[in-house]
């Protein structure tokens, strides 16, 4: 019997919770979970999370140690964020240096990160209608790369500099990218362990 761990990557759509299931009957009635996208084998767990309204790359594994290693490693995670308003160079500079956000009831100064404005909107599937992006003022897109992952961090950071996030898509974790995955598509990874060895080097 093959007991090698299994690894997956998927393009999580907006409106899905980053967990396989729920013990709450109320949540099961009202929310959507990852098991609606794919028949995952027993023991699979998400590596990190994306909040319900966020989209993009999510990794899953049956290897609990690998999951812990990646979450603690400080690996780069890159996001594309569509912002409410035309972001300024000054706001980008503030994001890169670190901003104060609320975290667990306290003020937290985010670590330095990489941020730049995208010259043109990225090519992604049409935004979920629940996001109501068309009702806002003109928007802009940025790439933001973090080595940490506090709860709703990107959203809190862009709001702190005056440009709330309308749509958030994670495109990369380390060297693993969203590539050409379709919305909701799940792909089996054969080399996640090898790719992740660099995270801890």
N, C-alpha and C. Protein backbone atom coordinates (compact mmCIF):
# COMPACT_ATOMS: atom_id res chain seq x y z
N UNK A 1 0.85 -1.20 0.00
CA UNK A 1 0.00 0.00 0.00
C UNK A 1 0.88 1.25 0.00
N UNK A 2 0.61 2.16 -0.92
CA UNK A 2 1.41 3.38 -1.05
C UNK A 2 1.01 4.38 0.04
N UNK A 3 1.96 4.68 0.95
CA UNK A 3 1.66 5.59 2.05
C UNK A 3 2.33 6.95 1.87
N UNK A 4 2.83 7.21 0.66
CA UNK A 4 3.45 8.51 0.42
C UNK A 4 2.40 9.61 0.55
N UNK A 5 2.79 10.75 1.12
CA UNK A 5 1.81 11.84 1.28
C UNK A 5 1.34 12.37 -0.07
N UNK A 6 0.14 12.90 -0.08
CA UNK A 6 -0.45 13.48 -1.28
C UNK A 6 -0.51 15.00 -1.13
N UNK A 7 -0.29 15.71 -2.22
CA UNK A 7 -0.31 17.17 -2.20
C UNK A 7 -1.15 17.67 -3.38
N UNK A 8 -1.84 18.76 -3.14
CA UNK A 8 -2.70 19.34 -4.17
C UNK A 8 -2.53 20.86 -4.19
N UNK A 9 -2.83 21.45 -5.35
CA UNK A 9 -3.00 22.90 -5.39
C UNK A 9 -4.33 23.17 -6.09
N UNK A 10 -4.96 24.27 -5.73
CA UNK A 10 -6.25 24.60 -6.34
C UNK A 10 -6.40 26.10 -6.46
N UNK A 11 -7.32 26.49 -7.32
CA UNK A 11 -7.71 27.89 -7.47
C UNK A 11 -9.00 28.06 -6.69
N UNK A 12 -8.88 28.55 -5.46
CA UNK A 12 -10.07 28.72 -4.62
C UNK A 12 -10.92 29.88 -5.12
N UNK A 13 -12.18 29.63 -5.39
CA UNK A 13 -13.06 30.73 -5.79
C UNK A 13 -13.49 31.58 -4.59
N UNK A 14 -13.96 32.77 -4.88
CA UNK A 14 -14.61 33.60 -3.86
C UNK A 14 -15.85 32.87 -3.36
N UNK A 15 -16.12 32.97 -2.06
CA UNK A 15 -17.34 32.40 -1.51
C UNK A 15 -17.18 31.00 -0.94
N UNK A 16 -15.95 30.47 -0.95
CA UNK A 16 -15.71 29.14 -0.40
C UNK A 16 -14.80 29.26 0.82
N UNK A 17 -15.12 28.54 1.89
CA UNK A 17 -14.34 28.52 3.11
C UNK A 17 -13.11 27.63 2.90
N UNK A 18 -11.96 28.06 3.45
CA UNK A 18 -10.71 27.29 3.29
C UNK A 18 -10.63 26.13 4.28
N UNK A 19 -11.62 25.29 4.27
CA UNK A 19 -11.60 24.05 5.05
C UNK A 19 -12.44 23.03 4.31
N UNK A 20 -12.19 21.76 4.64
CA UNK A 20 -12.85 20.68 3.90
C UNK A 20 -14.32 20.55 4.24
N UNK A 21 -14.65 20.79 5.50
CA UNK A 21 -16.00 20.52 5.96
C UNK A 21 -16.26 21.31 7.23
N UNK A 22 -17.38 21.11 7.86
CA UNK A 22 -17.71 21.78 9.12
C UNK A 22 -18.56 20.85 9.98
N UNK A 23 -18.39 20.98 11.29
CA UNK A 23 -19.23 20.22 12.23
C UNK A 23 -20.51 20.97 12.55
N UNK A 24 -20.60 22.21 12.08
CA UNK A 24 -21.78 23.03 12.34
C UNK A 24 -22.82 22.82 11.26
N UNK A 25 -24.01 22.35 11.65
CA UNK A 25 -25.07 22.14 10.66
C UNK A 25 -25.50 23.46 10.03
N UNK A 26 -25.45 24.53 10.82
CA UNK A 26 -25.82 25.85 10.28
C UNK A 26 -24.83 26.29 9.21
N UNK A 27 -23.52 26.09 9.46
CA UNK A 27 -22.50 26.43 8.46
C UNK A 27 -22.66 25.58 7.21
N UNK A 28 -22.95 24.30 7.38
CA UNK A 28 -23.11 23.40 6.24
C UNK A 28 -24.28 23.83 5.35
N UNK A 29 -25.32 24.41 5.97
CA UNK A 29 -26.47 24.87 5.19
C UNK A 29 -26.17 26.16 4.45
N UNK A 30 -25.37 27.05 5.07
CA UNK A 30 -25.21 28.40 4.55
C UNK A 30 -23.89 28.63 3.81
N UNK A 31 -22.88 27.79 4.04
CA UNK A 31 -21.55 28.04 3.48
C UNK A 31 -21.14 26.95 2.51
N UNK A 32 -20.11 27.26 1.71
CA UNK A 32 -19.54 26.30 0.78
C UNK A 32 -18.12 25.96 1.22
N UNK A 33 -17.72 24.70 1.05
CA UNK A 33 -16.43 24.22 1.52
C UNK A 33 -15.64 23.57 0.39
N UNK A 34 -14.35 23.33 0.65
CA UNK A 34 -13.46 22.81 -0.39
C UNK A 34 -13.88 21.46 -0.93
N UNK A 35 -14.56 20.65 -0.11
CA UNK A 35 -14.95 19.32 -0.59
C UNK A 35 -16.00 19.39 -1.70
N UNK A 36 -16.54 20.59 -1.96
CA UNK A 36 -17.46 20.74 -3.08
C UNK A 36 -16.72 20.85 -4.41
N UNK A 37 -15.41 21.09 -4.34
CA UNK A 37 -14.61 21.23 -5.56
C UNK A 37 -14.02 19.91 -6.03
N UNK A 38 -13.78 18.97 -5.08
CA UNK A 38 -13.00 17.78 -5.42
C UNK A 38 -13.22 16.73 -4.35
N UNK A 39 -13.12 15.47 -4.74
CA UNK A 39 -13.25 14.36 -3.79
C UNK A 39 -11.87 14.09 -3.17
N UNK A 40 -11.50 14.91 -2.19
CA UNK A 40 -10.17 14.78 -1.58
C UNK A 40 -10.09 13.51 -0.73
N UNK A 41 -8.90 12.88 -0.70
CA UNK A 41 -8.73 11.68 0.13
C UNK A 41 -8.73 12.03 1.62
N UNK A 42 -8.93 11.05 2.44
CA UNK A 42 -8.96 11.24 3.88
C UNK A 42 -7.61 11.78 4.38
N UNK A 43 -7.66 12.71 5.31
CA UNK A 43 -6.45 13.24 5.91
C UNK A 43 -5.89 14.48 5.26
N UNK A 44 -6.52 14.95 4.20
CA UNK A 44 -6.04 16.16 3.53
C UNK A 44 -6.37 17.38 4.38
N UNK A 45 -5.42 18.33 4.45
CA UNK A 45 -5.62 19.58 5.19
C UNK A 45 -5.08 20.74 4.38
N UNK A 46 -5.72 21.93 4.48
CA UNK A 46 -5.18 23.10 3.80
C UNK A 46 -3.89 23.57 4.48
N UNK A 47 -2.95 24.07 3.69
CA UNK A 47 -1.74 24.69 4.22
C UNK A 47 -1.99 26.20 4.25
N UNK A 48 -2.30 26.73 5.42
CA UNK A 48 -2.70 28.12 5.50
C UNK A 48 -4.13 28.29 5.02
N UNK A 49 -4.54 29.55 4.89
CA UNK A 49 -5.93 29.82 4.52
C UNK A 49 -6.02 31.04 3.62
N UNK A 50 -7.15 31.13 2.94
CA UNK A 50 -7.59 32.35 2.28
C UNK A 50 -8.97 32.64 2.85
N UNK A 51 -9.26 33.90 3.15
CA UNK A 51 -10.58 34.18 3.72
C UNK A 51 -11.66 33.92 2.68
N UNK A 52 -12.90 33.90 3.14
CA UNK A 52 -14.01 33.46 2.29
C UNK A 52 -14.12 34.27 1.00
N UNK A 53 -13.90 35.58 1.06
CA UNK A 53 -14.05 36.43 -0.13
C UNK A 53 -12.81 36.45 -1.02
N UNK A 54 -11.70 35.91 -0.54
CA UNK A 54 -10.46 35.92 -1.32
C UNK A 54 -10.39 34.70 -2.24
N UNK A 55 -9.57 34.83 -3.28
CA UNK A 55 -9.44 33.80 -4.29
C UNK A 55 -7.97 33.38 -4.43
N UNK A 56 -7.77 32.38 -5.29
CA UNK A 56 -6.42 32.08 -5.71
C UNK A 56 -5.83 30.80 -5.18
N UNK A 57 -4.49 30.78 -5.15
CA UNK A 57 -3.74 29.57 -4.88
C UNK A 57 -3.88 29.11 -3.43
N UNK A 58 -4.27 27.86 -3.28
CA UNK A 58 -4.34 27.22 -1.97
C UNK A 58 -3.70 25.85 -2.11
N UNK A 59 -2.79 25.52 -1.18
CA UNK A 59 -2.14 24.21 -1.17
C UNK A 59 -2.79 23.33 -0.12
N UNK A 60 -2.87 22.03 -0.40
CA UNK A 60 -3.39 21.06 0.54
C UNK A 60 -2.46 19.87 0.58
N UNK A 61 -2.41 19.18 1.71
CA UNK A 61 -1.50 18.04 1.86
C UNK A 61 -2.05 17.07 2.90
N UNK A 62 -1.57 15.82 2.82
CA UNK A 62 -1.86 14.85 3.87
C UNK A 62 -0.69 14.78 4.86
N UNK A 63 0.34 15.59 4.63
CA UNK A 63 1.55 15.59 5.46
C UNK A 63 1.48 16.73 6.48
N UNK A 64 1.08 16.42 7.71
CA UNK A 64 0.91 17.44 8.73
C UNK A 64 2.20 18.18 9.07
N UNK A 65 3.33 17.47 9.07
CA UNK A 65 4.61 18.12 9.37
C UNK A 65 4.98 19.13 8.29
N UNK A 66 4.77 18.75 7.05
CA UNK A 66 5.07 19.66 5.94
C UNK A 66 4.20 20.91 6.03
N UNK A 67 2.94 20.73 6.39
CA UNK A 67 2.03 21.86 6.55
C UNK A 67 2.56 22.82 7.61
N UNK A 68 2.98 22.28 8.76
CA UNK A 68 3.52 23.12 9.83
C UNK A 68 4.80 23.83 9.38
N UNK A 69 5.68 23.10 8.67
CA UNK A 69 6.94 23.67 8.22
C UNK A 69 6.70 24.87 7.29
N UNK A 70 5.78 24.72 6.36
CA UNK A 70 5.51 25.80 5.42
C UNK A 70 4.90 27.00 6.14
N UNK A 71 3.97 26.74 7.04
CA UNK A 71 3.32 27.85 7.76
C UNK A 71 4.30 28.64 8.62
N UNK A 72 5.37 27.99 9.09
CA UNK A 72 6.33 28.65 9.98
C UNK A 72 7.55 29.20 9.25
N UNK A 73 7.66 28.92 7.96
CA UNK A 73 8.93 29.15 7.28
C UNK A 73 9.17 30.58 6.83
N UNK A 74 8.13 31.40 6.77
CA UNK A 74 8.31 32.75 6.24
C UNK A 74 8.45 32.77 4.73
N UNK A 75 7.88 31.77 4.06
CA UNK A 75 7.93 31.71 2.60
C UNK A 75 7.15 32.88 2.01
N UNK A 76 7.61 33.36 0.86
CA UNK A 76 6.91 34.46 0.20
C UNK A 76 5.54 34.02 -0.31
N UNK A 77 4.57 34.90 -0.12
CA UNK A 77 3.23 34.69 -0.67
C UNK A 77 2.87 35.97 -1.43
N UNK A 78 2.61 35.82 -2.72
CA UNK A 78 2.32 36.98 -3.56
C UNK A 78 0.84 37.05 -3.89
N UNK A 79 0.30 38.26 -3.78
CA UNK A 79 -1.11 38.51 -4.03
C UNK A 79 -1.27 39.63 -5.06
N UNK A 80 -2.33 39.54 -5.85
CA UNK A 80 -2.79 40.67 -6.64
C UNK A 80 -4.04 41.21 -5.97
N UNK A 81 -4.02 42.51 -5.70
CA UNK A 81 -5.15 43.13 -5.00
C UNK A 81 -5.73 44.26 -5.85
N UNK A 82 -7.03 44.21 -6.08
CA UNK A 82 -7.73 45.30 -6.75
C UNK A 82 -8.22 46.26 -5.67
N UNK A 83 -7.82 47.52 -5.79
CA UNK A 83 -8.06 48.49 -4.73
C UNK A 83 -9.11 49.52 -5.14
N UNK A 84 -9.80 50.03 -4.14
CA UNK A 84 -10.77 51.09 -4.33
C UNK A 84 -10.02 52.42 -4.45
N UNK A 85 -9.87 52.92 -5.68
CA UNK A 85 -9.15 54.16 -5.91
C UNK A 85 -7.82 53.93 -6.61
N UNK A 86 -7.24 54.99 -7.15
CA UNK A 86 -5.94 54.93 -7.81
C UNK A 86 -4.84 55.11 -6.76
N UNK A 87 -4.19 54.01 -6.41
CA UNK A 87 -3.19 54.07 -5.35
C UNK A 87 -2.02 54.97 -5.75
N UNK A 88 -1.45 55.66 -4.77
CA UNK A 88 -0.35 56.59 -5.00
C UNK A 88 0.99 55.93 -4.70
N UNK A 89 2.05 56.53 -5.24
CA UNK A 89 3.40 56.04 -4.94
C UNK A 89 3.70 56.16 -3.45
N UNK A 90 3.16 57.21 -2.83
CA UNK A 90 3.38 57.40 -1.39
C UNK A 90 2.76 56.28 -0.58
N UNK A 91 1.56 55.86 -0.96
CA UNK A 91 0.89 54.77 -0.25
C UNK A 91 1.64 53.46 -0.45
N UNK A 92 2.16 53.24 -1.64
CA UNK A 92 2.93 52.02 -1.90
C UNK A 92 4.19 51.99 -1.03
N UNK A 93 4.85 53.14 -0.91
CA UNK A 93 6.06 53.21 -0.08
C UNK A 93 5.75 52.89 1.38
N UNK A 94 4.60 53.35 1.86
CA UNK A 94 4.21 53.06 3.24
C UNK A 94 3.95 51.57 3.43
N UNK A 95 3.25 50.95 2.47
CA UNK A 95 2.99 49.51 2.54
C UNK A 95 4.29 48.73 2.61
N UNK A 96 5.28 49.15 1.80
CA UNK A 96 6.54 48.41 1.75
C UNK A 96 7.31 48.49 3.07
N UNK A 97 7.22 49.61 3.74
CA UNK A 97 7.96 49.78 5.00
C UNK A 97 7.27 49.08 6.16
N UNK A 98 5.94 48.95 6.09
CA UNK A 98 5.17 48.35 7.18
C UNK A 98 4.16 49.32 7.73
N UNK A 99 2.96 48.84 8.00
CA UNK A 99 1.89 49.68 8.53
C UNK A 99 1.31 49.03 9.79
N UNK A 100 0.70 49.85 10.61
CA UNK A 100 0.07 49.36 11.84
C UNK A 100 -1.34 48.86 11.52
N UNK A 101 -1.63 47.62 11.89
CA UNK A 101 -2.96 47.06 11.70
C UNK A 101 -3.44 46.45 13.01
N UNK A 102 -4.71 46.20 13.11
CA UNK A 102 -5.25 45.53 14.28
C UNK A 102 -5.08 44.03 14.15
N UNK A 103 -4.58 43.39 15.23
CA UNK A 103 -4.42 41.93 15.23
C UNK A 103 -4.57 41.43 16.65
N UNK A 104 -5.56 40.56 16.86
CA UNK A 104 -5.85 39.97 18.17
C UNK A 104 -6.00 41.05 19.24
N UNK A 105 -6.71 42.11 18.88
CA UNK A 105 -7.02 43.17 19.83
C UNK A 105 -5.90 44.15 20.11
N UNK A 106 -4.79 44.03 19.39
CA UNK A 106 -3.65 44.92 19.60
C UNK A 106 -3.24 45.54 18.27
N UNK A 107 -2.33 46.53 18.33
CA UNK A 107 -1.78 47.12 17.13
C UNK A 107 -0.53 46.34 16.74
N UNK A 108 -0.46 45.97 15.49
CA UNK A 108 0.67 45.17 15.00
C UNK A 108 1.30 45.89 13.81
N UNK A 109 2.63 46.03 13.82
CA UNK A 109 3.35 46.65 12.71
C UNK A 109 3.78 45.55 11.74
N UNK A 110 3.28 45.61 10.53
CA UNK A 110 3.60 44.57 9.55
C UNK A 110 5.07 44.65 9.14
N UNK A 111 5.62 43.51 8.74
CA UNK A 111 7.00 43.46 8.28
C UNK A 111 7.14 44.12 6.91
N UNK A 112 8.35 44.52 6.58
CA UNK A 112 8.62 45.07 5.25
C UNK A 112 8.21 44.06 4.19
N UNK A 113 7.68 44.55 3.08
CA UNK A 113 7.21 43.67 2.02
C UNK A 113 7.53 44.29 0.66
N UNK A 114 7.25 43.53 -0.39
CA UNK A 114 7.45 44.02 -1.75
C UNK A 114 6.10 44.41 -2.33
N UNK A 115 6.01 45.61 -2.88
CA UNK A 115 4.75 46.09 -3.45
C UNK A 115 5.01 46.92 -4.70
N UNK A 116 4.22 46.71 -5.72
CA UNK A 116 4.28 47.60 -6.87
C UNK A 116 2.92 47.63 -7.57
N UNK A 117 2.67 48.72 -8.28
CA UNK A 117 1.42 48.88 -9.01
C UNK A 117 1.50 48.13 -10.34
N UNK A 118 0.42 47.46 -10.72
CA UNK A 118 0.36 46.78 -12.00
C UNK A 118 -0.05 47.78 -13.08
N UNK A 119 0.63 47.73 -14.21
CA UNK A 119 0.36 48.68 -15.29
C UNK A 119 -0.99 48.44 -15.96
N UNK A 120 -1.45 47.19 -15.91
CA UNK A 120 -2.73 46.84 -16.52
C UNK A 120 -3.42 45.80 -15.65
N UNK A 121 -4.73 45.74 -15.66
CA UNK A 121 -5.44 44.72 -14.86
C UNK A 121 -5.01 43.32 -15.29
N UNK A 122 -4.78 42.42 -14.35
CA UNK A 122 -4.40 41.04 -14.69
C UNK A 122 -5.56 40.29 -15.32
N UNK A 123 -5.24 39.22 -16.02
CA UNK A 123 -6.25 38.44 -16.73
C UNK A 123 -6.77 37.32 -15.84
N UNK A 124 -7.87 37.59 -15.16
CA UNK A 124 -8.50 36.61 -14.29
C UNK A 124 -9.97 36.46 -14.67
N UNK A 125 -10.61 35.38 -14.22
CA UNK A 125 -12.05 35.26 -14.45
C UNK A 125 -12.80 36.47 -13.87
N UNK A 126 -13.96 36.73 -14.41
CA UNK A 126 -14.77 37.85 -13.94
C UNK A 126 -15.02 37.73 -12.44
N UNK A 127 -15.00 38.87 -11.76
CA UNK A 127 -15.18 38.88 -10.31
C UNK A 127 -16.57 38.39 -9.92
N UNK A 128 -16.63 37.75 -8.76
CA UNK A 128 -17.91 37.31 -8.20
C UNK A 128 -18.82 38.52 -8.03
N UNK A 129 -20.08 38.37 -8.43
CA UNK A 129 -21.03 39.50 -8.38
C UNK A 129 -21.25 40.00 -6.95
N UNK A 130 -21.02 39.15 -5.95
CA UNK A 130 -21.22 39.56 -4.56
C UNK A 130 -20.23 40.65 -4.15
N UNK A 131 -19.11 40.78 -4.87
CA UNK A 131 -18.11 41.78 -4.51
C UNK A 131 -18.54 43.19 -4.90
N UNK A 132 -19.49 43.33 -5.83
CA UNK A 132 -20.05 44.64 -6.21
C UNK A 132 -18.96 45.66 -6.58
N UNK A 133 -18.00 45.21 -7.34
CA UNK A 133 -16.88 46.08 -7.69
C UNK A 133 -17.33 47.25 -8.54
N UNK A 134 -18.30 47.05 -9.41
CA UNK A 134 -18.75 48.12 -10.30
C UNK A 134 -19.35 49.31 -9.59
N UNK A 135 -19.68 49.18 -8.32
CA UNK A 135 -20.33 50.26 -7.59
C UNK A 135 -19.34 51.22 -6.94
N UNK A 136 -18.06 50.93 -7.07
CA UNK A 136 -17.05 51.75 -6.41
C UNK A 136 -16.45 52.74 -7.41
N UNK A 137 -15.63 53.63 -6.91
CA UNK A 137 -14.90 54.59 -7.76
C UNK A 137 -13.86 53.83 -8.58
N UNK A 138 -13.14 54.52 -9.47
CA UNK A 138 -12.11 53.83 -10.26
C UNK A 138 -11.15 53.05 -9.36
N UNK A 139 -10.69 51.91 -9.88
CA UNK A 139 -9.84 51.04 -9.08
C UNK A 139 -8.45 50.92 -9.68
N UNK A 140 -7.53 50.33 -8.91
CA UNK A 140 -6.17 50.05 -9.37
C UNK A 140 -5.76 48.70 -8.82
N UNK A 141 -4.72 48.12 -9.43
CA UNK A 141 -4.21 46.81 -9.02
C UNK A 141 -2.78 46.92 -8.54
N UNK A 142 -2.46 46.18 -7.48
CA UNK A 142 -1.08 46.09 -7.01
C UNK A 142 -0.70 44.62 -6.85
N UNK A 143 0.61 44.38 -6.90
CA UNK A 143 1.18 43.11 -6.46
C UNK A 143 1.77 43.37 -5.08
N UNK A 144 1.48 42.50 -4.12
CA UNK A 144 2.05 42.63 -2.79
C UNK A 144 2.53 41.26 -2.33
N UNK A 145 3.79 41.20 -1.91
CA UNK A 145 4.42 39.94 -1.52
C UNK A 145 4.80 39.99 -0.05
N UNK A 146 4.23 39.08 0.74
CA UNK A 146 4.45 39.04 2.18
C UNK A 146 5.24 37.80 2.57
N UNK A 147 5.89 37.88 3.74
CA UNK A 147 6.53 36.69 4.32
C UNK A 147 5.85 36.32 5.64
N UNK A 148 4.68 36.87 5.86
CA UNK A 148 3.89 36.56 7.05
C UNK A 148 2.44 36.45 6.61
N UNK A 149 1.56 36.07 7.50
CA UNK A 149 0.17 35.88 7.10
C UNK A 149 -0.80 36.05 8.25
N UNK A 150 -0.89 37.27 8.76
CA UNK A 150 -1.87 37.54 9.80
C UNK A 150 -3.28 37.53 9.20
N UNK A 151 -4.28 37.41 10.05
CA UNK A 151 -5.66 37.30 9.61
C UNK A 151 -6.07 38.54 8.81
N UNK A 152 -6.49 38.32 7.55
CA UNK A 152 -6.94 39.40 6.65
C UNK A 152 -5.89 40.51 6.51
N UNK A 153 -4.62 40.12 6.50
CA UNK A 153 -3.53 41.10 6.55
C UNK A 153 -3.51 42.06 5.36
N UNK A 154 -3.59 41.54 4.14
CA UNK A 154 -3.52 42.42 2.98
C UNK A 154 -4.67 43.42 3.01
N UNK A 155 -5.86 42.96 3.32
CA UNK A 155 -7.02 43.86 3.37
C UNK A 155 -6.83 44.95 4.42
N UNK A 156 -6.30 44.58 5.56
CA UNK A 156 -6.07 45.57 6.62
C UNK A 156 -4.98 46.56 6.22
N UNK A 157 -3.94 46.06 5.54
CA UNK A 157 -2.83 46.93 5.14
C UNK A 157 -3.28 47.98 4.12
N UNK A 158 -4.00 47.55 3.09
CA UNK A 158 -4.41 48.52 2.06
C UNK A 158 -5.44 49.51 2.61
N UNK A 159 -6.31 49.04 3.51
CA UNK A 159 -7.27 49.95 4.13
C UNK A 159 -6.55 50.99 4.99
N UNK A 160 -5.45 50.58 5.63
CA UNK A 160 -4.71 51.49 6.51
C UNK A 160 -4.08 52.65 5.75
N UNK A 161 -3.79 52.45 4.45
CA UNK A 161 -3.22 53.55 3.65
C UNK A 161 -4.27 54.22 2.77
N UNK A 162 -5.56 53.91 3.01
CA UNK A 162 -6.64 54.63 2.35
C UNK A 162 -7.16 54.02 1.07
N UNK A 163 -6.78 52.77 0.76
CA UNK A 163 -7.23 52.14 -0.47
C UNK A 163 -7.73 50.72 -0.17
N UNK A 164 -8.98 50.60 0.27
CA UNK A 164 -9.51 49.28 0.64
C UNK A 164 -9.44 48.28 -0.51
N UNK A 165 -9.22 47.04 -0.16
CA UNK A 165 -9.16 45.95 -1.14
C UNK A 165 -10.57 45.54 -1.56
N UNK A 166 -10.81 45.53 -2.87
CA UNK A 166 -12.08 45.08 -3.42
C UNK A 166 -12.04 43.60 -3.77
N UNK A 167 -10.91 43.19 -4.34
CA UNK A 167 -10.75 41.80 -4.78
C UNK A 167 -9.32 41.37 -4.49
N UNK A 168 -9.15 40.17 -3.94
CA UNK A 168 -7.82 39.70 -3.54
C UNK A 168 -7.59 38.29 -4.08
N UNK A 169 -6.46 38.12 -4.80
CA UNK A 169 -6.15 36.84 -5.44
C UNK A 169 -4.72 36.46 -5.11
N UNK A 170 -4.50 35.33 -4.47
CA UNK A 170 -3.14 34.87 -4.21
C UNK A 170 -2.64 34.12 -5.44
N UNK A 171 -1.48 34.55 -5.95
CA UNK A 171 -0.98 33.96 -7.19
C UNK A 171 0.25 33.08 -6.99
N UNK A 172 0.89 33.15 -5.81
CA UNK A 172 2.13 32.39 -5.64
C UNK A 172 2.42 32.12 -4.17
N UNK A 173 2.94 30.93 -3.89
CA UNK A 173 3.49 30.55 -2.58
C UNK A 173 4.87 29.98 -2.86
N UNK A 174 5.93 30.68 -2.48
CA UNK A 174 7.28 30.25 -2.83
C UNK A 174 7.43 30.18 -4.34
N UNK A 175 7.85 29.02 -4.86
CA UNK A 175 7.99 28.81 -6.29
C UNK A 175 6.76 28.17 -6.92
N UNK A 176 5.73 27.97 -6.12
CA UNK A 176 4.51 27.34 -6.63
C UNK A 176 3.52 28.44 -7.00
N UNK A 177 3.08 28.44 -8.26
CA UNK A 177 2.22 29.53 -8.73
C UNK A 177 0.86 29.02 -9.19
N UNK A 178 -0.05 29.97 -9.31
CA UNK A 178 -1.40 29.65 -9.78
C UNK A 178 -1.37 29.19 -11.23
N UNK A 179 -0.42 29.72 -12.00
CA UNK A 179 -0.23 29.37 -13.42
C UNK A 179 -1.56 29.47 -14.16
N UNK A 180 -1.91 28.41 -14.89
CA UNK A 180 -3.10 28.45 -15.74
C UNK A 180 -4.28 27.68 -15.16
N UNK A 181 -4.29 27.51 -13.84
CA UNK A 181 -5.42 26.83 -13.22
C UNK A 181 -6.72 27.59 -13.49
N UNK A 182 -7.76 26.85 -13.77
CA UNK A 182 -9.08 27.46 -13.93
C UNK A 182 -9.72 27.66 -12.57
N UNK A 183 -10.68 28.55 -12.50
CA UNK A 183 -11.38 28.81 -11.25
C UNK A 183 -12.00 27.52 -10.73
N UNK A 184 -11.64 27.13 -9.49
CA UNK A 184 -12.18 25.92 -8.89
C UNK A 184 -11.44 24.65 -9.26
N UNK A 185 -10.42 24.74 -10.13
CA UNK A 185 -9.69 23.56 -10.57
C UNK A 185 -8.73 23.07 -9.49
N UNK A 186 -8.60 21.76 -9.36
CA UNK A 186 -7.70 21.12 -8.41
C UNK A 186 -6.68 20.29 -9.18
N UNK A 187 -5.40 20.40 -8.80
CA UNK A 187 -4.34 19.67 -9.49
C UNK A 187 -3.49 18.92 -8.48
N UNK A 188 -3.21 17.65 -8.75
CA UNK A 188 -2.33 16.85 -7.90
C UNK A 188 -0.89 17.27 -8.14
N UNK A 189 -0.14 17.52 -7.05
CA UNK A 189 1.26 17.89 -7.15
C UNK A 189 2.13 16.69 -6.81
N UNK A 190 3.15 16.47 -7.60
CA UNK A 190 4.03 15.33 -7.35
C UNK A 190 5.35 15.74 -6.72
N UNK A 191 5.63 17.04 -6.67
CA UNK A 191 6.96 17.48 -6.20
C UNK A 191 6.87 18.57 -5.13
N UNK A 192 5.77 18.61 -4.38
CA UNK A 192 5.63 19.67 -3.38
C UNK A 192 6.69 19.58 -2.31
N UNK A 193 7.00 18.37 -1.84
CA UNK A 193 8.00 18.22 -0.79
C UNK A 193 9.35 18.77 -1.24
N UNK A 194 9.76 18.44 -2.48
CA UNK A 194 11.03 18.94 -3.00
C UNK A 194 11.02 20.45 -3.11
N UNK A 195 9.93 21.01 -3.59
CA UNK A 195 9.83 22.45 -3.73
C UNK A 195 9.89 23.14 -2.39
N UNK A 196 9.35 22.50 -1.37
CA UNK A 196 9.25 23.13 -0.06
C UNK A 196 10.52 22.99 0.77
N UNK A 197 11.45 22.15 0.35
CA UNK A 197 12.70 22.03 1.10
C UNK A 197 13.43 23.36 1.16
N UNK A 198 13.31 24.18 0.10
CA UNK A 198 13.96 25.47 0.06
C UNK A 198 13.37 26.42 1.10
N UNK A 199 12.12 26.22 1.50
CA UNK A 199 11.48 27.12 2.45
C UNK A 199 12.20 27.11 3.78
N UNK A 200 12.80 25.97 4.11
CA UNK A 200 13.42 25.81 5.42
C UNK A 200 14.93 25.89 5.36
N UNK A 201 15.48 26.22 4.19
CA UNK A 201 16.94 26.27 4.03
C UNK A 201 17.48 27.61 4.49
